[in-house]
């Protein structure tokens, strides 16, 4: 089963690391951005990767963890026109966008074509006591505090890491990746 990740920033890069470290072998990661020095406090990149496309740098980092990883990267901006086709072969999709409009667009375009979408809402600020998981029907799980938006608050690696680990755990559990008795 191939897992798609829409966005390779703080959430996307850390979800990918968690999935690969748990044994997931097939990923498709899509992003159009480049690594910036300001990303290094919360994203899975390194100083010598600044200026490189995020998807290329992330592929390199993930292959250092799991050389046998089957990873497809796409360095392009997702739009309403290309989103469903881009993730057509992915049964599970991780939404890891910064902007609310893109989050909504991904859910609207892909929800009824996927086994599961795992999304985030409210990942900014440093408080972690209100992080929760909301299941919206059978195919959509949203993780976050649902109030602290990145447009209003700074992001911190601690909260981003916790939320991305929770998102990866949902993918693993609902995707059937855990062995019997482990879930």
N, C-alpha and C. Protein backbone atom coordinates (compact mmCIF):
# COMPACT_ATOMS: atom_id res chain seq x y z
N UNK A 1 0.84 -1.18 0.00
CA UNK A 1 0.00 0.00 0.00
C UNK A 1 0.89 1.25 0.00
N UNK A 2 0.64 2.14 -0.95
CA UNK A 2 1.40 3.39 -1.04
C UNK A 2 0.66 4.48 -0.26
N UNK A 3 1.42 5.22 0.54
CA UNK A 3 0.88 6.33 1.31
C UNK A 3 1.33 7.62 0.67
N UNK A 4 0.38 8.51 0.44
CA UNK A 4 0.69 9.81 -0.13
C UNK A 4 0.81 10.86 0.95
N UNK A 5 1.77 11.75 0.78
CA UNK A 5 1.95 12.86 1.72
C UNK A 5 1.94 14.15 0.91
N UNK A 6 0.94 15.00 1.19
CA UNK A 6 0.79 16.28 0.50
C UNK A 6 1.43 17.37 1.34
N UNK A 7 2.66 17.70 1.01
CA UNK A 7 3.41 18.70 1.76
C UNK A 7 4.60 18.06 2.46
N UNK A 8 5.77 18.67 2.33
CA UNK A 8 7.00 18.10 2.91
C UNK A 8 7.64 19.06 3.90
N UNK A 9 6.81 19.82 4.61
CA UNK A 9 7.32 20.74 5.62
C UNK A 9 7.39 20.07 6.98
N UNK A 10 7.00 20.82 8.01
CA UNK A 10 7.09 20.31 9.38
C UNK A 10 6.30 19.04 9.60
N UNK A 11 5.04 19.03 9.20
CA UNK A 11 4.23 17.83 9.38
C UNK A 11 4.65 16.74 8.41
N UNK A 12 4.69 17.06 7.12
CA UNK A 12 4.95 16.04 6.11
C UNK A 12 6.28 15.35 6.27
N UNK A 13 7.34 16.12 6.51
CA UNK A 13 8.66 15.50 6.64
C UNK A 13 8.74 14.62 7.88
N UNK A 14 8.12 15.06 8.96
CA UNK A 14 8.17 14.28 10.20
C UNK A 14 7.23 13.08 10.17
N UNK A 15 6.08 13.19 9.53
CA UNK A 15 5.22 12.01 9.34
C UNK A 15 5.98 10.97 8.53
N UNK A 16 6.63 11.41 7.46
CA UNK A 16 7.39 10.49 6.61
C UNK A 16 8.47 9.76 7.40
N UNK A 17 9.22 10.48 8.22
CA UNK A 17 10.27 9.86 9.04
C UNK A 17 9.66 8.81 9.97
N UNK A 18 8.57 9.17 10.63
CA UNK A 18 7.93 8.23 11.54
C UNK A 18 7.44 6.98 10.81
N UNK A 19 6.86 7.15 9.64
CA UNK A 19 6.37 6.01 8.88
C UNK A 19 7.52 5.11 8.43
N UNK A 20 8.58 5.72 7.91
CA UNK A 20 9.72 4.93 7.43
C UNK A 20 10.39 4.20 8.59
N UNK A 21 10.56 4.87 9.71
CA UNK A 21 11.19 4.22 10.88
C UNK A 21 10.34 3.09 11.44
N UNK A 22 9.05 3.08 11.09
CA UNK A 22 8.16 2.01 11.55
C UNK A 22 8.06 0.89 10.52
N UNK A 23 8.68 1.05 9.37
CA UNK A 23 8.71 -0.03 8.39
C UNK A 23 7.87 0.17 7.15
N UNK A 24 7.20 1.30 7.00
CA UNK A 24 6.45 1.56 5.77
C UNK A 24 7.44 1.64 4.62
N UNK A 25 7.12 1.00 3.51
CA UNK A 25 8.06 0.88 2.40
C UNK A 25 7.67 1.63 1.13
N UNK A 26 6.42 2.15 1.06
CA UNK A 26 5.99 2.82 -0.17
C UNK A 26 5.38 4.18 0.15
N UNK A 27 6.04 5.23 -0.32
CA UNK A 27 5.59 6.60 -0.11
C UNK A 27 5.57 7.38 -1.42
N UNK A 28 4.66 8.33 -1.47
CA UNK A 28 4.66 9.33 -2.54
C UNK A 28 4.56 10.68 -1.84
N UNK A 29 5.54 11.55 -2.07
CA UNK A 29 5.58 12.84 -1.39
C UNK A 29 5.58 13.95 -2.43
N UNK A 30 4.68 14.92 -2.23
CA UNK A 30 4.51 16.01 -3.19
C UNK A 30 4.66 17.35 -2.48
N UNK A 31 5.53 18.20 -3.02
CA UNK A 31 5.72 19.55 -2.52
C UNK A 31 6.47 20.33 -3.60
N UNK A 32 6.34 21.63 -3.59
CA UNK A 32 7.02 22.47 -4.58
C UNK A 32 8.04 23.41 -3.96
N UNK A 33 8.17 23.39 -2.65
CA UNK A 33 8.99 24.36 -1.93
C UNK A 33 10.45 23.90 -1.83
N UNK A 34 11.31 24.82 -1.43
CA UNK A 34 12.71 24.50 -1.18
C UNK A 34 13.01 24.65 0.31
N UNK A 35 14.04 23.97 0.75
CA UNK A 35 14.45 24.03 2.14
C UNK A 35 15.01 25.43 2.42
N UNK A 36 14.53 26.01 3.50
CA UNK A 36 14.98 27.33 3.95
C UNK A 36 15.59 27.15 5.34
N UNK A 37 16.54 27.99 5.66
CA UNK A 37 17.18 27.88 6.98
C UNK A 37 16.15 27.99 8.12
N UNK A 38 15.10 28.76 7.91
CA UNK A 38 14.07 28.91 8.94
C UNK A 38 13.27 27.63 9.16
N UNK A 39 13.38 26.66 8.26
CA UNK A 39 12.68 25.38 8.40
C UNK A 39 13.39 24.42 9.35
N UNK A 40 14.65 24.63 9.57
CA UNK A 40 15.47 23.62 10.25
C UNK A 40 15.09 23.38 11.71
N UNK A 41 14.35 24.30 12.31
CA UNK A 41 13.97 24.10 13.71
C UNK A 41 12.86 23.08 13.90
N UNK A 42 12.16 22.68 12.83
CA UNK A 42 11.03 21.79 13.00
C UNK A 42 10.83 20.80 11.84
N UNK A 43 11.67 20.86 10.84
CA UNK A 43 11.52 19.99 9.68
C UNK A 43 12.73 19.08 9.56
N UNK A 44 12.56 17.93 8.90
CA UNK A 44 13.61 16.91 8.82
C UNK A 44 14.59 17.20 7.68
N UNK A 45 15.30 18.33 7.83
CA UNK A 45 16.31 18.75 6.87
C UNK A 45 17.54 19.22 7.62
N UNK A 46 18.61 19.43 6.86
CA UNK A 46 19.88 19.82 7.45
C UNK A 46 20.44 21.05 6.74
N UNK A 47 21.34 21.74 7.39
CA UNK A 47 21.89 23.00 6.89
C UNK A 47 22.44 22.87 5.46
N UNK A 48 23.10 21.77 5.16
CA UNK A 48 23.68 21.63 3.82
C UNK A 48 22.62 21.38 2.74
N UNK A 49 21.35 21.26 3.14
CA UNK A 49 20.27 21.07 2.16
C UNK A 49 19.49 22.36 1.88
N UNK A 50 19.85 23.44 2.52
CA UNK A 50 19.18 24.73 2.30
C UNK A 50 19.29 25.09 0.82
N UNK A 51 18.15 25.49 0.25
CA UNK A 51 18.09 25.87 -1.16
C UNK A 51 17.68 24.74 -2.09
N UNK A 52 17.70 23.52 -1.60
CA UNK A 52 17.31 22.37 -2.44
C UNK A 52 15.81 22.14 -2.36
N UNK A 53 15.22 21.54 -3.39
CA UNK A 53 13.80 21.17 -3.30
C UNK A 53 13.57 20.23 -2.12
N UNK A 54 12.53 20.52 -1.35
CA UNK A 54 12.25 19.71 -0.16
C UNK A 54 12.07 18.22 -0.49
N UNK A 55 11.36 17.92 -1.58
CA UNK A 55 11.11 16.51 -1.89
C UNK A 55 12.41 15.76 -2.19
N UNK A 56 13.36 16.42 -2.84
CA UNK A 56 14.64 15.77 -3.14
C UNK A 56 15.45 15.56 -1.87
N UNK A 57 15.51 16.57 -1.02
CA UNK A 57 16.26 16.45 0.23
C UNK A 57 15.62 15.42 1.15
N UNK A 58 14.30 15.40 1.21
CA UNK A 58 13.62 14.43 2.07
C UNK A 58 13.83 13.01 1.58
N UNK A 59 13.76 12.81 0.26
CA UNK A 59 14.03 11.48 -0.28
C UNK A 59 15.43 11.02 0.13
N UNK A 60 16.40 11.89 -0.02
CA UNK A 60 17.77 11.56 0.37
C UNK A 60 17.85 11.16 1.85
N UNK A 61 17.21 11.93 2.72
CA UNK A 61 17.26 11.65 4.15
C UNK A 61 16.55 10.34 4.50
N UNK A 62 15.40 10.10 3.87
CA UNK A 62 14.64 8.87 4.15
C UNK A 62 15.37 7.63 3.64
N UNK A 63 16.05 7.75 2.50
CA UNK A 63 16.80 6.61 1.97
C UNK A 63 18.01 6.28 2.85
N UNK A 64 18.50 7.23 3.61
CA UNK A 64 19.57 6.94 4.57
C UNK A 64 19.05 6.09 5.72
N UNK A 65 17.75 6.22 6.02
CA UNK A 65 17.13 5.40 7.06
C UNK A 65 16.79 4.02 6.52
N UNK A 66 16.21 3.99 5.32
CA UNK A 66 15.74 2.74 4.72
C UNK A 66 16.12 2.71 3.24
N UNK A 67 17.29 2.18 2.91
CA UNK A 67 17.76 2.18 1.52
C UNK A 67 16.83 1.45 0.54
N UNK A 68 16.00 0.54 1.05
CA UNK A 68 15.09 -0.20 0.18
C UNK A 68 13.72 0.47 0.05
N UNK A 69 13.58 1.68 0.51
CA UNK A 69 12.33 2.42 0.44
C UNK A 69 11.93 2.68 -1.01
N UNK A 70 10.68 2.41 -1.33
CA UNK A 70 10.10 2.72 -2.64
C UNK A 70 9.44 4.10 -2.49
N UNK A 71 10.16 5.14 -2.89
CA UNK A 71 9.67 6.50 -2.69
C UNK A 71 9.58 7.22 -4.02
N UNK A 72 8.41 7.77 -4.26
CA UNK A 72 8.18 8.59 -5.45
C UNK A 72 8.03 10.03 -4.96
N UNK A 73 8.74 10.94 -5.60
CA UNK A 73 8.62 12.35 -5.26
C UNK A 73 8.11 13.13 -6.46
N UNK A 74 7.34 14.17 -6.16
CA UNK A 74 6.83 15.06 -7.21
C UNK A 74 7.09 16.48 -6.74
N UNK A 75 7.87 17.20 -7.50
CA UNK A 75 8.22 18.57 -7.16
C UNK A 75 7.31 19.51 -7.96
N UNK A 76 6.07 19.66 -7.47
CA UNK A 76 5.13 20.57 -8.12
C UNK A 76 4.06 21.00 -7.13
N UNK A 77 3.43 22.10 -7.46
CA UNK A 77 2.36 22.63 -6.61
C UNK A 77 1.08 21.87 -6.89
N UNK A 78 0.42 21.46 -5.82
CA UNK A 78 -0.86 20.77 -5.97
C UNK A 78 -1.97 21.79 -6.16
N UNK A 79 -2.88 21.48 -7.08
CA UNK A 79 -4.03 22.33 -7.37
C UNK A 79 -5.28 21.45 -7.40
N UNK A 80 -6.41 22.08 -7.45
CA UNK A 80 -7.66 21.33 -7.55
C UNK A 80 -7.66 20.44 -8.80
N UNK A 81 -7.01 20.91 -9.87
CA UNK A 81 -7.00 20.17 -11.13
C UNK A 81 -6.11 18.93 -11.09
N UNK A 82 -4.99 18.97 -10.35
CA UNK A 82 -4.06 17.83 -10.41
C UNK A 82 -4.04 16.97 -9.14
N UNK A 83 -4.73 17.39 -8.11
CA UNK A 83 -4.62 16.72 -6.81
C UNK A 83 -5.08 15.26 -6.84
N UNK A 84 -6.26 15.02 -7.34
CA UNK A 84 -6.78 13.64 -7.33
C UNK A 84 -5.93 12.72 -8.20
N UNK A 85 -5.54 13.19 -9.38
CA UNK A 85 -4.72 12.38 -10.27
C UNK A 85 -3.34 12.12 -9.66
N UNK A 86 -2.75 13.13 -9.01
CA UNK A 86 -1.42 12.98 -8.43
C UNK A 86 -1.38 11.87 -7.39
N UNK A 87 -2.44 11.74 -6.59
CA UNK A 87 -2.48 10.74 -5.53
C UNK A 87 -3.38 9.56 -5.87
N UNK A 88 -3.65 9.35 -7.14
CA UNK A 88 -4.57 8.31 -7.58
C UNK A 88 -4.24 6.92 -7.02
N UNK A 89 -2.95 6.56 -7.01
CA UNK A 89 -2.57 5.21 -6.59
C UNK A 89 -2.36 5.07 -5.08
N UNK A 90 -2.55 6.13 -4.33
CA UNK A 90 -2.35 6.10 -2.88
C UNK A 90 -3.69 5.82 -2.19
N UNK A 91 -3.70 4.81 -1.34
CA UNK A 91 -4.93 4.49 -0.61
C UNK A 91 -5.12 5.39 0.60
N UNK A 92 -4.02 5.79 1.20
CA UNK A 92 -4.05 6.65 2.38
C UNK A 92 -3.32 7.94 2.02
N UNK A 93 -3.88 9.05 2.49
CA UNK A 93 -3.31 10.36 2.16
C UNK A 93 -3.13 11.17 3.44
N UNK A 94 -1.95 11.75 3.58
CA UNK A 94 -1.64 12.63 4.71
C UNK A 94 -1.67 14.06 4.20
N UNK A 95 -2.51 14.88 4.82
CA UNK A 95 -2.58 16.30 4.50
C UNK A 95 -1.60 17.02 5.40
N UNK A 96 -0.62 17.69 4.80
CA UNK A 96 0.42 18.37 5.58
C UNK A 96 0.68 19.77 5.02
N UNK A 97 -0.38 20.48 4.73
CA UNK A 97 -0.29 21.84 4.19
C UNK A 97 -0.28 22.87 5.31
N UNK A 98 0.22 24.06 4.99
CA UNK A 98 0.17 25.19 5.90
C UNK A 98 -1.15 25.95 5.80
N UNK A 99 -1.64 26.11 4.59
CA UNK A 99 -2.79 26.98 4.34
C UNK A 99 -4.12 26.23 4.43
N UNK A 100 -5.07 26.87 5.11
CA UNK A 100 -6.41 26.27 5.29
C UNK A 100 -7.08 25.96 3.96
N UNK A 101 -6.91 26.84 2.98
CA UNK A 101 -7.57 26.64 1.69
C UNK A 101 -7.09 25.36 1.01
N UNK A 102 -5.81 25.04 1.15
CA UNK A 102 -5.28 23.82 0.55
C UNK A 102 -5.75 22.59 1.32
N UNK A 103 -5.84 22.71 2.63
CA UNK A 103 -6.35 21.61 3.46
C UNK A 103 -7.76 21.25 3.01
N UNK A 104 -8.61 22.26 2.88
CA UNK A 104 -10.00 22.05 2.46
C UNK A 104 -10.06 21.45 1.06
N UNK A 105 -9.23 21.99 0.17
CA UNK A 105 -9.23 21.52 -1.21
C UNK A 105 -8.86 20.04 -1.28
N UNK A 106 -7.85 19.62 -0.54
CA UNK A 106 -7.44 18.22 -0.56
C UNK A 106 -8.56 17.33 -0.06
N UNK A 107 -9.19 17.71 1.03
CA UNK A 107 -10.28 16.90 1.58
C UNK A 107 -11.45 16.84 0.61
N UNK A 108 -11.83 17.98 0.04
CA UNK A 108 -12.94 18.01 -0.92
C UNK A 108 -12.66 17.15 -2.15
N UNK A 109 -11.43 17.22 -2.66
CA UNK A 109 -11.09 16.51 -3.89
C UNK A 109 -10.84 15.01 -3.69
N UNK A 110 -10.36 14.63 -2.52
CA UNK A 110 -9.86 13.26 -2.37
C UNK A 110 -10.60 12.38 -1.36
N UNK A 111 -11.42 12.95 -0.50
CA UNK A 111 -12.00 12.17 0.59
C UNK A 111 -12.74 10.92 0.12
N UNK A 112 -13.54 11.03 -0.90
CA UNK A 112 -14.35 9.89 -1.31
C UNK A 112 -13.63 8.95 -2.26
N UNK A 113 -12.34 9.20 -2.48
CA UNK A 113 -11.54 8.35 -3.36
C UNK A 113 -10.42 7.65 -2.60
N UNK A 114 -10.37 7.83 -1.30
CA UNK A 114 -9.29 7.26 -0.48
C UNK A 114 -9.85 6.43 0.65
N UNK A 115 -9.06 5.48 1.10
CA UNK A 115 -9.41 4.69 2.27
C UNK A 115 -9.41 5.58 3.51
N UNK A 116 -8.44 6.52 3.56
CA UNK A 116 -8.27 7.35 4.74
C UNK A 116 -7.51 8.62 4.39
N UNK A 117 -7.92 9.74 4.98
CA UNK A 117 -7.14 10.98 4.95
C UNK A 117 -6.86 11.36 6.39
N UNK A 118 -5.59 11.64 6.68
CA UNK A 118 -5.19 12.10 8.00
C UNK A 118 -4.71 13.54 7.83
N UNK A 119 -5.37 14.46 8.55
CA UNK A 119 -5.10 15.88 8.40
C UNK A 119 -4.75 16.50 9.75
N UNK A 120 -4.39 17.79 9.72
CA UNK A 120 -4.05 18.51 10.94
C UNK A 120 -4.74 19.86 10.96
N UNK A 121 -5.03 20.32 12.18
CA UNK A 121 -5.62 21.64 12.38
C UNK A 121 -5.21 22.16 13.75
N UNK A 122 -4.50 23.28 13.76
CA UNK A 122 -4.05 23.84 15.02
C UNK A 122 -2.74 23.24 15.49
N UNK A 123 -1.66 23.55 14.75
CA UNK A 123 -0.34 22.97 15.08
C UNK A 123 0.63 24.00 15.63
N UNK A 124 0.19 25.25 15.73
CA UNK A 124 1.09 26.32 16.16
C UNK A 124 1.07 26.49 17.68
N UNK A 125 1.97 27.34 18.17
CA UNK A 125 2.14 27.66 19.58
C UNK A 125 2.90 26.51 20.24
N UNK A 126 3.19 26.63 21.50
CA UNK A 126 3.96 25.60 22.20
C UNK A 126 3.11 24.73 23.12
N UNK A 127 1.85 25.11 23.34
CA UNK A 127 1.02 24.32 24.25
C UNK A 127 0.62 22.99 23.61
N UNK A 128 0.70 21.94 24.38
CA UNK A 128 0.38 20.60 23.86
C UNK A 128 -0.77 19.94 24.61
N UNK A 129 -1.31 20.61 25.62
CA UNK A 129 -2.31 19.97 26.46
C UNK A 129 -3.68 19.84 25.82
N UNK A 130 -3.91 20.51 24.70
CA UNK A 130 -5.23 20.42 24.07
C UNK A 130 -5.20 19.68 22.73
N UNK A 131 -4.14 18.98 22.44
CA UNK A 131 -4.07 18.20 21.20
C UNK A 131 -5.03 17.02 21.30
N UNK A 132 -5.81 16.84 20.26
CA UNK A 132 -6.75 15.72 20.23
C UNK A 132 -6.91 15.20 18.81
N UNK A 133 -7.58 14.08 18.71
CA UNK A 133 -7.89 13.47 17.42
C UNK A 133 -9.39 13.51 17.24
N UNK A 134 -9.83 14.04 16.10
CA UNK A 134 -11.25 14.04 15.77
C UNK A 134 -11.45 13.16 14.55
N UNK A 135 -12.33 12.18 14.69
CA UNK A 135 -12.71 11.34 13.56
C UNK A 135 -13.96 11.95 12.93
N UNK A 136 -13.86 12.28 11.66
CA UNK A 136 -14.98 12.85 10.93
C UNK A 136 -15.44 11.78 9.94
N UNK A 137 -16.40 11.01 10.32
CA UNK A 137 -16.81 9.87 9.51
C UNK A 137 -15.77 8.77 9.59
N UNK A 138 -15.80 7.87 8.64
CA UNK A 138 -14.91 6.71 8.65
C UNK A 138 -13.57 6.96 7.95
N UNK A 139 -13.50 8.01 7.11
CA UNK A 139 -12.32 8.19 6.28
C UNK A 139 -11.52 9.45 6.54
N UNK A 140 -11.84 10.20 7.58
CA UNK A 140 -11.11 11.44 7.85
C UNK A 140 -10.80 11.55 9.34
N UNK A 141 -9.51 11.68 9.65
CA UNK A 141 -9.05 11.93 11.02
C UNK A 141 -8.27 13.23 11.01
N UNK A 142 -8.55 14.09 11.99
CA UNK A 142 -7.86 15.36 12.08
C UNK A 142 -7.20 15.46 13.45
N UNK A 143 -5.93 15.84 13.46
CA UNK A 143 -5.15 15.94 14.70
C UNK A 143 -4.73 17.39 14.92
N UNK A 144 -4.83 17.85 16.16
CA UNK A 144 -4.37 19.19 16.51
C UNK A 144 -5.12 19.75 17.69
N UNK A 145 -4.93 21.04 17.94
CA UNK A 145 -5.69 21.67 19.03
C UNK A 145 -6.89 22.44 18.48
N UNK A 146 -7.01 22.52 17.16
CA UNK A 146 -8.15 23.11 16.46
C UNK A 146 -8.34 24.59 16.76
N UNK A 147 -7.29 25.25 17.27
CA UNK A 147 -7.44 26.67 17.55
C UNK A 147 -6.20 27.50 17.25
N UNK A 148 -5.02 26.97 17.41
CA UNK A 148 -3.79 27.76 17.25
C UNK A 148 -3.26 27.62 15.83
N UNK A 149 -3.59 28.62 15.02
CA UNK A 149 -3.24 28.62 13.60
C UNK A 149 -1.85 29.22 13.38
N UNK A 150 -1.15 28.75 12.37
CA UNK A 150 0.20 29.24 12.09
C UNK A 150 0.22 30.67 11.58
N UNK A 151 -0.92 31.19 11.15
CA UNK A 151 -0.98 32.59 10.73
C UNK A 151 -0.97 33.54 11.93
N UNK A 152 -1.30 33.01 13.11
CA UNK A 152 -1.38 33.84 14.30
C UNK A 152 -0.29 33.54 15.33
N UNK A 153 0.25 32.33 15.30
CA UNK A 153 1.22 31.89 16.31
C UNK A 153 2.44 31.27 15.64
N UNK A 154 3.55 31.31 16.33
CA UNK A 154 4.78 30.68 15.89
C UNK A 154 4.66 29.16 16.04
N UNK A 155 5.39 28.43 15.21
CA UNK A 155 5.40 26.96 15.34
C UNK A 155 6.67 26.53 16.07
N UNK A 156 6.54 25.46 16.83
CA UNK A 156 7.65 24.90 17.60
C UNK A 156 7.78 23.42 17.30
N UNK A 157 9.02 22.95 17.28
CA UNK A 157 9.26 21.55 16.92
C UNK A 157 8.58 20.58 17.86
N UNK A 158 8.45 20.92 19.13
CA UNK A 158 7.83 19.98 20.06
C UNK A 158 6.40 19.67 19.66
N UNK A 159 5.60 20.68 19.42
CA UNK A 159 4.20 20.44 19.07
C UNK A 159 4.07 19.82 17.68
N UNK A 160 4.85 20.31 16.73
CA UNK A 160 4.81 19.74 15.38
C UNK A 160 5.21 18.27 15.42
N UNK A 161 6.21 17.93 16.21
CA UNK A 161 6.66 16.53 16.31
C UNK A 161 5.59 15.64 16.92
N UNK A 162 4.94 16.12 17.96
CA UNK A 162 3.90 15.33 18.61
C UNK A 162 2.74 15.09 17.65
N UNK A 163 2.29 16.14 16.99
CA UNK A 163 1.16 15.99 16.06
C UNK A 163 1.53 15.10 14.88
N UNK A 164 2.72 15.25 14.35
CA UNK A 164 3.12 14.39 13.22
C UNK A 164 3.26 12.94 13.65
N UNK A 165 3.72 12.69 14.87
CA UNK A 165 3.80 11.31 15.37
C UNK A 165 2.40 10.72 15.53
N UNK A 166 1.47 11.52 16.02
CA UNK A 166 0.09 11.06 16.15
C UNK A 166 -0.52 10.76 14.78
N UNK A 167 -0.23 11.62 13.80
CA UNK A 167 -0.74 11.39 12.44
C UNK A 167 -0.18 10.10 11.87
N UNK A 168 1.11 9.87 12.06
CA UNK A 168 1.73 8.63 11.57
C UNK A 168 1.11 7.42 12.26
N UNK A 169 0.86 7.52 13.54
CA UNK A 169 0.27 6.41 14.28
C UNK A 169 -1.13 6.07 13.75
N UNK A 170 -1.90 7.08 13.39
CA UNK A 170 -3.23 6.84 12.82
C UNK A 170 -3.10 6.11 11.48
N UNK A 171 -2.16 6.56 10.65
CA UNK A 171 -1.93 5.90 9.36
C UNK A 171 -1.58 4.43 9.58
N UNK A 172 -0.69 4.19 10.51
CA UNK A 172 -0.25 2.81 10.79
C UNK A 172 -1.39 1.94 11.32
N UNK A 173 -2.14 2.48 12.25
CA UNK A 173 -3.24 1.70 12.84
C UNK A 173 -4.37 1.46 11.85
N UNK A 174 -4.88 2.51 11.26
CA UNK A 174 -6.03 2.37 10.36
C UNK A 174 -5.65 1.78 9.02
N UNK A 175 -4.37 1.87 8.67
CA UNK A 175 -3.90 1.27 7.44
C UNK A 175 -3.55 -0.20 7.57
N UNK A 176 -3.61 -0.72 8.79
CA UNK A 176 -3.35 -2.14 9.03
C UNK A 176 -1.88 -2.49 9.02
N UNK A 177 -1.00 -1.54 9.32
CA UNK A 177 0.43 -1.80 9.29
C UNK A 177 0.93 -2.48 10.57
N UNK A 178 0.22 -2.31 11.66
CA UNK A 178 0.62 -2.96 12.90
C UNK A 178 0.32 -4.45 12.81
N UNK A 179 1.20 -5.24 13.39
CA UNK A 179 0.97 -6.69 13.43
C UNK A 179 -0.15 -6.99 14.41
N UNK A 180 -0.81 -8.15 14.23
CA UNK A 180 -1.88 -8.54 15.14
C UNK A 180 -1.41 -8.47 16.58
N UNK A 181 -2.24 -7.87 17.42
CA UNK A 181 -1.91 -7.76 18.83
C UNK A 181 -1.12 -6.53 19.18
N UNK A 182 -0.56 -5.82 18.18
CA UNK A 182 0.23 -4.63 18.44
C UNK A 182 -0.59 -3.35 18.46
N UNK A 183 -1.72 -3.35 17.78
CA UNK A 183 -2.51 -2.11 17.64
C UNK A 183 -3.22 -1.74 18.92
